[in-house]
N, C-alpha and C. Protein backbone atom coordinates (compact mmCIF):
# COMPACT_ATOMS: atom_id res chain seq x y z
N UNK A 1 12.28 63.59 40.62
CA UNK A 1 12.85 62.03 40.67
C UNK A 1 11.54 61.07 40.23
N UNK A 2 11.12 61.29 41.01
CA UNK A 2 9.93 60.48 41.34
C UNK A 2 9.27 60.41 40.25
N UNK A 3 8.99 61.50 39.46
CA UNK A 3 8.15 61.67 38.23
C UNK A 3 8.79 61.24 37.12
N UNK A 4 10.38 61.13 36.82
CA UNK A 4 10.87 60.43 36.41
C UNK A 4 10.91 58.78 35.94
N UNK A 5 10.74 58.47 37.79
CA UNK A 5 10.44 56.42 37.89
C UNK A 5 9.57 56.55 37.75
N UNK A 6 8.65 57.13 37.46
CA UNK A 6 7.54 57.17 36.43
C UNK A 6 7.31 56.18 35.50
N UNK A 7 8.29 57.40 34.53
CA UNK A 7 8.26 58.06 33.30
C UNK A 7 8.86 56.26 32.63
N UNK A 8 10.25 56.37 33.67
CA UNK A 8 11.13 55.24 33.27
C UNK A 8 10.31 53.58 33.62
N UNK A 9 9.89 53.51 34.36
CA UNK A 9 8.66 52.34 34.33
C UNK A 9 7.61 51.88 33.62
N UNK A 10 6.77 53.09 32.99
CA UNK A 10 6.14 52.79 32.23
C UNK A 10 6.47 52.50 30.75
N UNK A 11 8.01 53.30 30.75
CA UNK A 11 8.43 53.13 29.01
C UNK A 11 8.96 51.33 29.33
N UNK A 12 9.63 50.56 30.80
CA UNK A 12 9.84 49.40 30.27
C UNK A 12 8.97 48.53 30.43
N UNK A 13 7.61 48.83 31.45
CA UNK A 13 6.46 48.22 30.98
C UNK A 13 5.92 48.06 29.33
N UNK A 14 5.85 49.00 29.24
CA UNK A 14 5.80 49.00 27.54
C UNK A 14 6.58 47.68 26.74
N UNK A 15 7.64 48.02 27.43
CA UNK A 15 8.71 47.36 26.05
C UNK A 15 8.51 45.73 26.58
N UNK A 16 8.37 45.96 27.96
CA UNK A 16 8.25 43.97 28.61
C UNK A 16 7.17 43.78 27.83
N UNK A 17 6.30 44.48 27.41
CA UNK A 17 4.95 43.85 26.83
C UNK A 17 5.34 43.87 25.27
N UNK A 18 5.95 44.25 25.41
CA UNK A 18 6.15 44.49 23.08
C UNK A 18 6.78 42.79 23.31
N UNK A 19 7.54 43.22 24.00
CA UNK A 19 8.61 41.54 24.19
C UNK A 19 7.25 40.32 24.11
N UNK A 20 6.98 40.16 25.04
CA UNK A 20 6.16 39.40 25.54
C UNK A 20 5.27 39.76 23.59
N UNK A 21 4.95 39.93 23.75
CA UNK A 21 3.63 39.85 22.22
C UNK A 21 4.49 39.79 21.26
N UNK A 22 5.81 40.35 21.01
CA UNK A 22 6.32 39.54 19.96
C UNK A 22 6.65 38.00 20.38
N UNK A 23 7.32 37.49 21.03
CA UNK A 23 7.27 36.53 21.79
C UNK A 23 5.98 34.88 21.07
N UNK A 24 4.68 35.50 21.37
CA UNK A 24 3.80 35.00 21.31
C UNK A 24 2.92 35.14 19.96
N UNK A 25 3.66 36.45 19.58
CA UNK A 25 2.88 36.18 17.98
C UNK A 25 4.41 35.30 16.74
N UNK A 26 5.97 35.20 17.70
CA UNK A 26 6.57 33.96 16.64
C UNK A 26 5.53 33.01 17.15
N UNK A 27 5.43 32.58 17.98
CA UNK A 27 4.57 31.42 18.39
C UNK A 27 4.07 30.92 17.37
N UNK A 28 2.97 32.00 17.47
CA UNK A 28 1.55 31.27 16.77
C UNK A 28 2.04 31.48 14.75
N UNK A 29 2.91 32.08 14.69
CA UNK A 29 3.10 32.05 13.35
C UNK A 29 3.81 30.62 12.77
N UNK A 30 4.74 30.17 14.03
CA UNK A 30 5.20 29.12 13.79
C UNK A 30 4.36 28.20 13.95
N UNK A 31 3.95 28.20 14.29
CA UNK A 31 2.07 27.27 14.95
C UNK A 31 2.13 26.71 13.21
N UNK A 32 1.29 28.38 13.03
CA UNK A 32 0.51 28.61 11.79
C UNK A 32 1.61 28.28 10.14
N UNK A 33 2.69 28.53 10.29
CA UNK A 33 3.76 27.80 9.44
C UNK A 33 3.73 26.20 9.60
N UNK A 34 3.49 25.69 10.09
CA UNK A 34 3.76 24.38 10.04
C UNK A 34 1.53 23.93 9.89
N UNK A 35 1.24 24.20 10.45
CA UNK A 35 -0.56 23.35 9.49
C UNK A 35 -0.27 23.83 7.80
N UNK A 36 0.19 24.88 7.73
CA UNK A 36 0.21 25.44 5.99
C UNK A 36 1.34 24.61 5.60
N UNK A 37 2.45 24.01 6.41
CA UNK A 37 3.08 23.00 5.25
C UNK A 37 2.54 21.58 5.63
N UNK A 38 2.21 21.14 6.25
CA UNK A 38 1.10 19.86 6.75
C UNK A 38 -0.05 19.94 4.72
N UNK A 39 -1.16 21.13 5.30
CA UNK A 39 -1.37 21.37 4.19
C UNK A 39 -1.60 20.99 2.65
N UNK A 40 0.01 21.75 2.71
CA UNK A 40 1.16 21.96 1.64
C UNK A 40 1.23 19.88 1.61
N UNK A 41 1.60 19.35 2.12
CA UNK A 41 1.53 18.08 2.00
C UNK A 41 0.92 17.03 1.51
N UNK A 42 -0.09 17.55 2.04
CA UNK A 42 -1.63 16.63 2.20
C UNK A 42 -2.10 17.03 0.23
N UNK A 43 -1.61 17.73 -0.09
CA UNK A 43 -2.55 17.72 -1.77
C UNK A 43 -1.52 17.25 -2.31
N UNK A 44 -0.31 17.89 -2.36
CA UNK A 44 0.76 16.72 -3.10
C UNK A 44 0.27 15.82 -3.01
N UNK A 45 0.30 14.65 -1.55
CA UNK A 45 0.59 13.74 -1.49
C UNK A 45 -1.23 12.90 -2.43
N UNK A 46 -2.18 13.57 -2.36
CA UNK A 46 -3.29 13.89 -2.75
C UNK A 46 -3.35 13.82 -4.64
N UNK A 47 -2.57 14.26 -5.05
CA UNK A 47 -2.44 14.48 -6.38
C UNK A 47 -1.28 13.46 -6.75
N UNK A 48 -0.50 12.90 -6.17
CA UNK A 48 0.52 11.29 -5.85
C UNK A 48 -0.58 11.08 -5.88
N UNK A 49 -1.19 10.20 -4.81
CA UNK A 49 -2.13 8.77 -5.37
C UNK A 49 -2.94 9.33 -6.47
N UNK A 50 -3.51 10.31 -6.63
CA UNK A 50 -4.32 10.38 -8.21
C UNK A 50 -3.42 10.33 -9.39
N UNK A 51 -2.41 11.01 -9.68
CA UNK A 51 -1.68 10.08 -10.71
C UNK A 51 -0.92 8.35 -10.57
N UNK A 52 -0.49 8.21 -9.17
CA UNK A 52 -0.72 6.61 -9.43
C UNK A 52 -1.86 5.48 -9.51
N UNK A 53 -3.47 6.33 -9.49
CA UNK A 53 -4.35 6.05 -9.89
C UNK A 53 -4.29 5.42 -11.00
N UNK A 54 -4.02 6.36 -11.82
CA UNK A 54 -3.97 6.59 -13.45
C UNK A 54 -3.56 5.54 -13.81
N UNK A 55 -2.02 5.01 -13.37
CA UNK A 55 -1.50 5.10 -13.97
C UNK A 55 -2.22 2.83 -13.89
N UNK A 56 -2.49 2.54 -12.42
CA UNK A 56 -2.92 1.48 -12.18
C UNK A 56 -3.92 1.09 -12.78
N UNK A 57 -4.96 1.97 -13.41
CA UNK A 57 -6.57 1.96 -13.95
C UNK A 57 -6.27 1.38 -15.47
N UNK A 58 -4.85 2.28 -16.57
CA UNK A 58 -4.45 1.66 -17.57
C UNK A 58 -3.65 0.70 -17.77
N UNK A 59 -3.13 0.24 -16.67
CA UNK A 59 -2.66 -1.29 -16.58
C UNK A 59 -3.92 -1.86 -16.71
N UNK A 60 -5.04 -1.88 -16.14
CA UNK A 60 -6.63 -2.70 -15.82
C UNK A 60 -6.83 -2.05 -16.97
N UNK A 61 -7.03 -1.69 -16.99
CA UNK A 61 -8.20 -1.42 -18.83
C UNK A 61 -7.52 -2.35 -19.60
N UNK A 62 -5.90 -2.52 -19.58
CA UNK A 62 -5.24 -3.33 -20.75
C UNK A 62 -5.62 -4.85 -20.89
N UNK A 63 -5.50 -5.06 -19.16
CA UNK A 63 -5.40 -6.32 -19.01
C UNK A 63 -7.15 -7.10 -19.23
N UNK A 64 -7.96 -5.65 -18.46
CA UNK A 64 -9.59 -6.50 -18.72
C UNK A 64 -10.21 -6.67 -20.67
N UNK A 65 -9.34 -6.08 -21.58
CA UNK A 65 -9.73 -5.97 -22.14
C UNK A 65 -8.46 -7.08 -23.13
N UNK A 66 -7.45 -7.76 -22.80
CA UNK A 66 -7.14 -8.73 -22.58
C UNK A 66 -8.07 -10.05 -22.44
N UNK A 67 -8.25 -9.84 -21.70
CA UNK A 67 -9.31 -11.44 -21.06
C UNK A 67 -10.58 -11.05 -21.63
N UNK A 68 -10.56 -10.16 -22.37
CA UNK A 68 -12.26 -9.99 -22.35
C UNK A 68 -12.15 -10.97 -24.06
N UNK A 69 -11.24 -10.14 -24.67
CA UNK A 69 -10.73 -11.13 -26.07
C UNK A 69 -10.26 -13.04 -25.79
N UNK A 70 -9.44 -12.84 -24.51
CA UNK A 70 -9.27 -14.38 -24.98
C UNK A 70 -10.23 -15.35 -24.68
N UNK A 71 -11.05 -14.88 -23.40
CA UNK A 71 -12.30 -15.72 -23.26
C UNK A 71 -13.27 -16.34 -24.19
N UNK A 72 -13.45 -15.02 -24.69
CA UNK A 72 -14.53 -14.92 -25.91
C UNK A 72 -14.10 -16.04 -26.90
N UNK A 73 -12.75 -15.82 -26.83
CA UNK A 73 -12.46 -16.66 -28.48
C UNK A 73 -12.23 -18.10 -27.74
N UNK A 74 -12.01 -18.63 -26.61
CA UNK A 74 -12.09 -19.62 -25.98
C UNK A 74 -13.44 -20.51 -26.38
N UNK A 75 -14.19 -19.78 -25.39
CA UNK A 75 -16.00 -20.38 -26.03
C UNK A 75 -16.69 -19.84 -27.52
N UNK A 76 -15.83 -18.66 -28.23
CA UNK A 76 -16.85 -19.19 -29.97
C UNK A 76 -15.60 -20.07 -30.53
N UNK A 77 -14.67 -20.42 -29.95
CA UNK A 77 -13.49 -20.98 -30.79
C UNK A 77 -12.81 -20.42 -32.19
N UNK A 78 -12.79 -19.09 -31.97
CA UNK A 78 -12.93 -18.44 -33.23
C UNK A 78 -11.98 -16.90 -32.62
N UNK A 79 -11.07 -17.38 -33.67
CA UNK A 79 -9.84 -16.08 -32.88
C UNK A 79 -10.60 -14.53 -33.58
N UNK A 80 -10.58 -13.35 -33.04
CA UNK A 80 -11.71 -12.47 -32.92
C UNK A 80 -10.52 -11.67 -32.23
N UNK A 81 -10.09 -10.35 -32.54
CA UNK A 81 -9.76 -8.83 -31.92
C UNK A 81 -11.03 -7.92 -32.09
N UNK A 82 -11.97 -8.03 -32.08
CA UNK A 82 -12.92 -7.24 -31.80
C UNK A 82 -13.82 -7.27 -30.45
N UNK A 83 -13.47 -5.93 -30.18
CA UNK A 83 -13.34 -5.55 -28.56
C UNK A 83 -14.77 -4.40 -28.80
N UNK A 84 -15.86 -5.07 -28.97
CA UNK A 84 -17.24 -4.33 -29.20
C UNK A 84 -18.06 -4.78 -28.34
N UNK A 85 -18.99 -4.25 -27.80
CA UNK A 85 -19.99 -4.64 -26.81
C UNK A 85 -20.31 -4.45 -25.13
N UNK A 86 -21.88 -4.49 -25.03
CA UNK A 86 -21.76 -5.09 -23.69
C UNK A 86 -20.88 -5.40 -22.31
N UNK A 87 -20.31 -6.97 -23.05
CA UNK A 87 -19.65 -7.30 -22.01
C UNK A 87 -18.55 -6.98 -22.02
N UNK A 88 -17.22 -6.58 -23.19
CA UNK A 88 -16.36 -5.88 -23.39
C UNK A 88 -16.54 -4.61 -22.29
N UNK A 89 -17.10 -3.96 -22.39
CA UNK A 89 -17.61 -2.75 -22.08
C UNK A 89 -17.83 -3.08 -20.20
N UNK A 90 -18.90 -4.23 -20.29
CA UNK A 90 -18.75 -4.42 -18.47
C UNK A 90 -17.48 -5.20 -17.92
N UNK A 91 -17.00 -5.77 -18.90
CA UNK A 91 -15.71 -6.27 -17.63
C UNK A 91 -14.38 -4.99 -17.72
N UNK A 92 -14.31 -4.13 -18.60
CA UNK A 92 -13.76 -3.16 -18.49
C UNK A 92 -14.24 -2.20 -16.97
N UNK A 93 -15.28 -1.87 -17.07
CA UNK A 93 -15.64 -1.56 -15.72
C UNK A 93 -15.46 -2.04 -14.22
N UNK A 94 -15.65 -3.68 -15.02
CA UNK A 94 -14.82 -4.49 -13.44
C UNK A 94 -14.21 -4.28 -13.11
N UNK A 95 -12.83 -4.28 -13.90
CA UNK A 95 -11.33 -4.31 -13.63
C UNK A 95 -11.31 -2.90 -12.78
N UNK A 96 -11.91 -2.30 -13.58
CA UNK A 96 -10.98 -0.58 -12.68
C UNK A 96 -11.35 -0.71 -11.20
N UNK A 97 -13.38 -0.68 -11.27
CA UNK A 97 -13.82 -0.63 -10.41
C UNK A 97 -12.99 -1.21 -9.08
N UNK A 98 -12.02 -2.86 -9.27
CA UNK A 98 -11.70 -3.49 -8.71
C UNK A 98 -10.52 -3.10 -8.30
N UNK A 99 -9.44 -2.98 -8.90
CA UNK A 99 -8.61 -1.86 -8.92
C UNK A 99 -8.36 -1.11 -7.95
N UNK A 100 -9.52 0.30 -8.42
CA UNK A 100 -9.70 1.61 -7.58
C UNK A 100 -9.60 1.04 -5.90
N UNK A 101 -10.72 -0.02 -6.08
CA UNK A 101 -11.63 -0.64 -4.87
C UNK A 101 -10.25 -0.95 -3.87
N UNK A 102 -9.58 -1.41 -4.44
CA UNK A 102 -8.21 -2.24 -3.54
C UNK A 102 -7.26 -1.61 -3.20
N UNK A 103 -6.71 -0.29 -4.48
CA UNK A 103 -5.96 0.70 -4.09
C UNK A 103 -5.95 1.13 -3.02
N UNK A 104 -7.76 1.64 -3.29
CA UNK A 104 -7.91 3.10 -1.75
C UNK A 104 -8.95 2.24 -0.53
N UNK A 105 -8.89 1.02 -0.13
CA UNK A 105 -9.42 0.80 0.62
C UNK A 105 -8.19 1.78 2.45
N UNK A 106 -9.81 1.60 2.70
CA UNK A 106 -9.33 2.87 3.85
C UNK A 106 -8.74 2.37 4.75
N UNK A 107 -8.51 1.43 4.99
CA UNK A 107 -7.59 0.75 6.36
C UNK A 107 -5.71 0.86 5.38
N UNK A 108 -5.85 1.13 3.98
CA UNK A 108 -4.49 1.86 3.56
C UNK A 108 -4.29 2.65 3.55
N UNK A 109 -5.47 3.74 4.05
CA UNK A 109 -4.68 5.59 3.66
C UNK A 109 -6.18 6.28 4.13
N UNK A 110 -5.82 7.73 3.68
CA UNK A 110 -7.18 8.64 4.34
C UNK A 110 -7.52 9.11 2.59
N UNK A 111 -6.94 8.72 1.47
CA UNK A 111 -7.21 9.59 0.71
C UNK A 111 -7.87 8.57 -0.05
N UNK A 112 -9.04 9.12 -0.31
CA UNK A 112 -9.56 7.70 -1.89
C UNK A 112 -10.17 8.29 -2.91
N UNK A 113 -10.17 7.32 -3.40
CA UNK A 113 -10.18 7.93 -5.17
C UNK A 113 -11.70 7.02 -5.68
N UNK A 114 -12.32 7.49 -6.50
CA UNK A 114 -13.35 7.09 -7.09
C UNK A 114 -13.33 8.02 -8.73
N UNK A 115 -13.78 6.41 -9.94
CA UNK A 115 -14.17 7.35 -10.89
C UNK A 115 -16.21 7.44 -11.10
N UNK A 116 -16.19 8.07 -12.60
CA UNK A 116 -17.20 8.29 -12.77
C UNK A 116 -17.19 8.92 -14.04
N UNK A 117 -18.47 9.46 -14.72
CA UNK A 117 -18.37 9.84 -16.14
C UNK A 117 -17.77 8.49 -17.26
N UNK A 118 -17.87 7.29 -17.37
CA UNK A 118 -17.66 5.76 -17.71
C UNK A 118 -18.06 5.81 -18.80
N UNK A 119 -17.21 6.17 -19.87
CA UNK A 119 -17.46 6.04 -21.77
C UNK A 119 -16.94 4.38 -22.36
N UNK A 120 -17.69 4.10 -22.91
CA UNK A 120 -15.82 2.58 -23.85
C UNK A 120 -16.68 3.25 -24.81
N UNK A 121 -15.87 3.50 -26.02
CA UNK A 121 -16.12 3.78 -26.75
C UNK A 121 -15.19 2.53 -27.97
N UNK A 122 -15.78 1.65 -28.72
CA UNK A 122 -15.20 0.77 -28.99
C UNK A 122 -15.21 0.80 -31.03
N UNK A 123 -14.12 0.51 -31.52
CA UNK A 123 -14.30 0.86 -32.83
C UNK A 123 -13.26 -0.32 -33.45
N UNK A 124 -14.06 -1.78 -34.05
CA UNK A 124 -13.17 -2.58 -34.39
C UNK A 124 -12.52 -3.15 -33.27
N UNK A 125 -11.13 -2.84 -33.09
CA UNK A 125 -9.79 -3.78 -32.85
C UNK A 125 -9.68 -2.23 -31.80
N UNK A 126 -9.72 -1.48 -31.60
CA UNK A 126 -10.07 -0.53 -30.67
C UNK A 126 -10.86 0.21 -29.58
N UNK A 127 -10.61 -0.03 -28.65
CA UNK A 127 -11.61 0.76 -27.42
C UNK A 127 -10.68 2.14 -26.97
N UNK A 128 -12.09 2.67 -26.34
CA UNK A 128 -11.33 4.22 -25.82
C UNK A 128 -12.32 4.34 -24.50
N UNK A 129 -11.21 4.76 -23.39
CA UNK A 129 -12.34 4.55 -22.37
C UNK A 129 -11.77 6.00 -21.74
N UNK A 130 -13.01 6.51 -21.36
CA UNK A 130 -12.68 7.05 -20.82
C UNK A 130 -13.51 7.47 -19.29
N UNK A 131 -12.83 8.19 -18.64
CA UNK A 131 -13.30 8.44 -16.75
C UNK A 131 -13.27 9.56 -16.13
N UNK A 132 -13.50 10.06 -15.37
CA UNK A 132 -13.58 11.58 -14.34
C UNK A 132 -12.72 10.69 -13.21
N UNK A 133 -11.38 10.28 -13.05
CA UNK A 133 -10.96 10.24 -11.64
C UNK A 133 -11.00 11.53 -10.56
N UNK A 134 -11.04 11.40 -9.61
CA UNK A 134 -11.09 12.14 -8.53
C UNK A 134 -10.57 11.16 -7.41
N UNK A 135 -10.17 12.01 -6.78
CA UNK A 135 -8.78 11.66 -5.45
C UNK A 135 -9.43 12.14 -4.06
N UNK A 136 -9.48 12.36 -3.03
CA UNK A 136 -9.90 13.15 -2.52
C UNK A 136 -9.49 12.90 -1.42
N UNK A 137 -9.07 14.08 0.15
CA UNK A 137 -9.17 14.26 1.26
C UNK A 137 -9.68 14.92 2.05
N UNK A 138 -9.63 14.37 3.54
CA UNK A 138 -10.73 15.24 4.14
C UNK A 138 -10.20 15.24 5.44
N UNK A 139 -9.21 16.14 6.04
CA UNK A 139 -8.71 16.46 7.25
C UNK A 139 -9.58 16.87 8.69
N UNK A 140 -10.03 16.11 8.90
CA UNK A 140 -11.47 17.07 9.80
C UNK A 140 -10.52 17.60 10.75
N UNK A 141 -11.32 19.08 11.42
CA UNK A 141 -10.68 20.12 12.80
C UNK A 141 -11.43 20.29 13.24
N UNK A 142 -12.33 19.92 14.55
CA UNK A 142 -13.59 20.08 15.60
C UNK A 142 -14.94 19.70 14.76
N UNK A 143 -15.83 20.21 15.64
CA UNK A 143 -17.01 19.97 14.56
C UNK A 143 -17.59 20.67 13.18
N UNK A 144 -17.35 20.10 12.42
CA UNK A 144 -18.14 20.49 11.06
C UNK A 144 -16.83 21.37 10.43
N UNK A 145 -16.16 21.56 10.86
CA UNK A 145 -14.84 22.41 9.80
C UNK A 145 -14.32 20.62 9.49
N UNK A 146 -13.69 21.59 8.58
CA UNK A 146 -11.81 20.94 7.91
C UNK A 146 -11.25 21.36 6.59
N UNK A 147 -10.59 20.75 6.60
CA UNK A 147 -9.78 20.98 5.49
C UNK A 147 -9.54 19.83 4.44
N UNK A 148 -10.16 20.11 3.31
CA UNK A 148 -10.60 19.10 2.00
C UNK A 148 -10.25 19.83 0.81
N UNK A 149 -9.42 18.49 0.07
CA UNK A 149 -8.32 18.46 -0.84
C UNK A 149 -9.18 17.41 -1.65
N UNK A 150 -9.10 18.13 -2.99
CA UNK A 150 -10.33 17.18 -4.48
C UNK A 150 -9.34 17.45 -5.56
N UNK A 151 -8.80 16.03 -6.07
CA UNK A 151 -8.27 16.53 -7.51
C UNK A 151 -8.65 15.56 -8.33
N UNK A 152 -9.00 16.34 -9.53
CA UNK A 152 -10.72 15.66 -10.40
C UNK A 152 -9.60 15.77 -11.93
N UNK A 153 -9.34 14.96 -12.54
CA UNK A 153 -9.41 15.71 -14.10
C UNK A 153 -9.90 14.26 -14.90
N UNK A 154 -10.21 14.21 -16.43
CA UNK A 154 -10.56 13.30 -16.74
C UNK A 154 -9.43 13.33 -17.50
N UNK A 155 -9.56 11.66 -17.96
CA UNK A 155 -8.84 10.81 -18.30
C UNK A 155 -9.21 9.62 -19.67
N UNK A 156 -8.32 9.58 -20.54
CA UNK A 156 -8.55 8.71 -21.34
C UNK A 156 -7.50 7.66 -21.74
N UNK A 157 -7.83 6.24 -21.81
CA UNK A 157 -7.27 5.55 -22.17
C UNK A 157 -7.19 4.12 -23.86
N UNK A 158 -6.67 4.47 -24.35
CA UNK A 158 -7.16 4.09 -25.87
C UNK A 158 -5.92 3.15 -26.22
N UNK A 159 -6.69 2.01 -26.47
CA UNK A 159 -5.85 -0.20 -26.68
C UNK A 159 -6.71 -0.73 -27.62
N UNK A 160 -5.23 -0.59 -28.19
CA UNK A 160 -5.52 -1.00 -29.93
C UNK A 160 -5.27 -3.02 -29.44
N UNK A 161 -6.51 -3.84 -29.32
CA UNK A 161 -6.45 -5.56 -29.51
C UNK A 161 -6.05 -6.40 -30.73
N UNK A 162 -4.98 -7.14 -31.02
CA UNK A 162 -4.63 -7.78 -31.89
C UNK A 162 -4.60 -9.57 -31.51
N UNK A 163 -4.92 -9.99 -32.87
CA UNK A 163 -4.99 -11.50 -32.40
C UNK A 163 -4.03 -12.36 -32.95
N UNK A 164 -3.83 -12.89 -33.36
CA UNK A 164 -2.03 -13.68 -33.66
C UNK A 164 -2.05 -15.18 -33.48
N UNK A 165 -1.72 -15.74 -34.69
CA UNK A 165 -1.16 -17.46 -34.66
C UNK A 165 -2.39 -18.20 -34.20
N UNK A 166 -1.75 -19.17 -34.18
CA UNK A 166 -2.91 -20.67 -34.56
C UNK A 166 -3.44 -20.43 -32.13
N UNK A 167 -2.63 -20.38 -31.68
CA UNK A 167 -3.35 -20.29 -30.56
C UNK A 167 -4.05 -19.16 -30.05
N UNK A 168 -4.01 -18.25 -30.77
CA UNK A 168 -4.87 -16.87 -30.94
C UNK A 168 -4.43 -16.10 -29.49
N UNK A 169 -2.78 -15.70 -29.84
CA UNK A 169 -2.30 -14.96 -29.05
C UNK A 169 -2.84 -12.88 -28.68
N UNK A 170 -3.41 -12.83 -28.33
CA UNK A 170 -3.84 -11.79 -27.48
C UNK A 170 -3.16 -10.54 -27.13
N UNK A 171 -2.72 -9.24 -27.83
CA UNK A 171 -1.68 -8.74 -27.44
C UNK A 171 -2.42 -7.26 -27.49
N UNK A 172 -2.43 -6.18 -26.38
CA UNK A 172 -2.75 -5.18 -26.03
C UNK A 172 -2.36 -3.89 -26.00
N UNK A 173 -1.70 -2.74 -27.12
CA UNK A 173 -0.79 -2.46 -27.05
C UNK A 173 -1.44 -0.86 -26.41
N UNK A 174 -1.10 -0.25 -25.53
CA UNK A 174 -1.75 1.50 -25.64
C UNK A 174 -1.26 1.98 -26.73
N UNK A 175 -2.61 3.14 -27.67
CA UNK A 175 -1.93 4.00 -28.32
C UNK A 175 -1.25 5.04 -27.84
N UNK A 176 -1.46 5.57 -26.66
CA UNK A 176 -0.51 6.56 -26.58
C UNK A 176 0.48 7.19 -26.22
N UNK A 177 0.93 5.41 -25.79
CA UNK A 177 2.93 5.37 -25.52
C UNK A 177 3.23 4.09 -26.42
N UNK A 178 2.48 4.10 -27.23
CA UNK A 178 2.44 2.88 -28.47
C UNK A 178 3.28 1.77 -27.70
N UNK A 179 3.07 1.26 -26.45
CA UNK A 179 3.85 0.43 -25.47
C UNK A 179 2.65 -0.91 -25.63
N UNK A 180 3.70 -1.79 -25.32
CA UNK A 180 2.61 -3.06 -25.57
C UNK A 180 2.13 -3.79 -24.19
N UNK A 181 0.99 -3.39 -23.87
CA UNK A 181 0.30 -3.79 -22.09
C UNK A 181 0.60 -5.00 -21.73
N UNK A 182 0.12 -5.74 -22.67
CA UNK A 182 -0.82 -7.06 -22.44
C UNK A 182 -0.80 -7.96 -23.39
N UNK A 183 0.63 -9.20 -22.99
CA UNK A 183 0.12 -10.65 -24.11
C UNK A 183 -0.14 -12.43 -23.38
N UNK A 184 -1.77 -12.29 -24.09
CA UNK A 184 -1.70 -13.45 -23.58
C UNK A 184 -1.75 -14.16 -24.31
N UNK A 185 -1.31 -15.85 -24.38
CA UNK A 185 -1.66 -16.96 -25.82
C UNK A 185 -2.76 -17.70 -24.73
């Protein structure tokens, strides 16, 4: 009878250990799943911030062109819709930088956006602006390790500037959406 008790005790011990192992595994799996969900949310949030930055910079490009043409027309006294020249390029780049800096202020969030590969291609009254827009998020865990999200794509903005009327009213139209961006009179 003693032998049987030993076998039953051993079986019971194995079952208890198996139960403890299953409970521990379930706890670890739940924590792992929570981390995975958190990382997925960070990826989606980074893409959302990138999308928002793309629209903010689209608007900024139109405003920069309108301000450039309006200021130049006031200085020269001539109504012109020409958007060529280094001054126009500098104005657009300045507006894009300022709006992106304001949008990605470190005090406002953990996701930072930058742009690079800036090209400005004017053709009379049409300006094509291309940038590589990049947003990134770094979640540090411990020393030197971390989860890093980087979302980057090239973006092109194509704008047409027209000037009309005796007051040189400036209109900037987005050629991709065929919508009016800015009207300055």
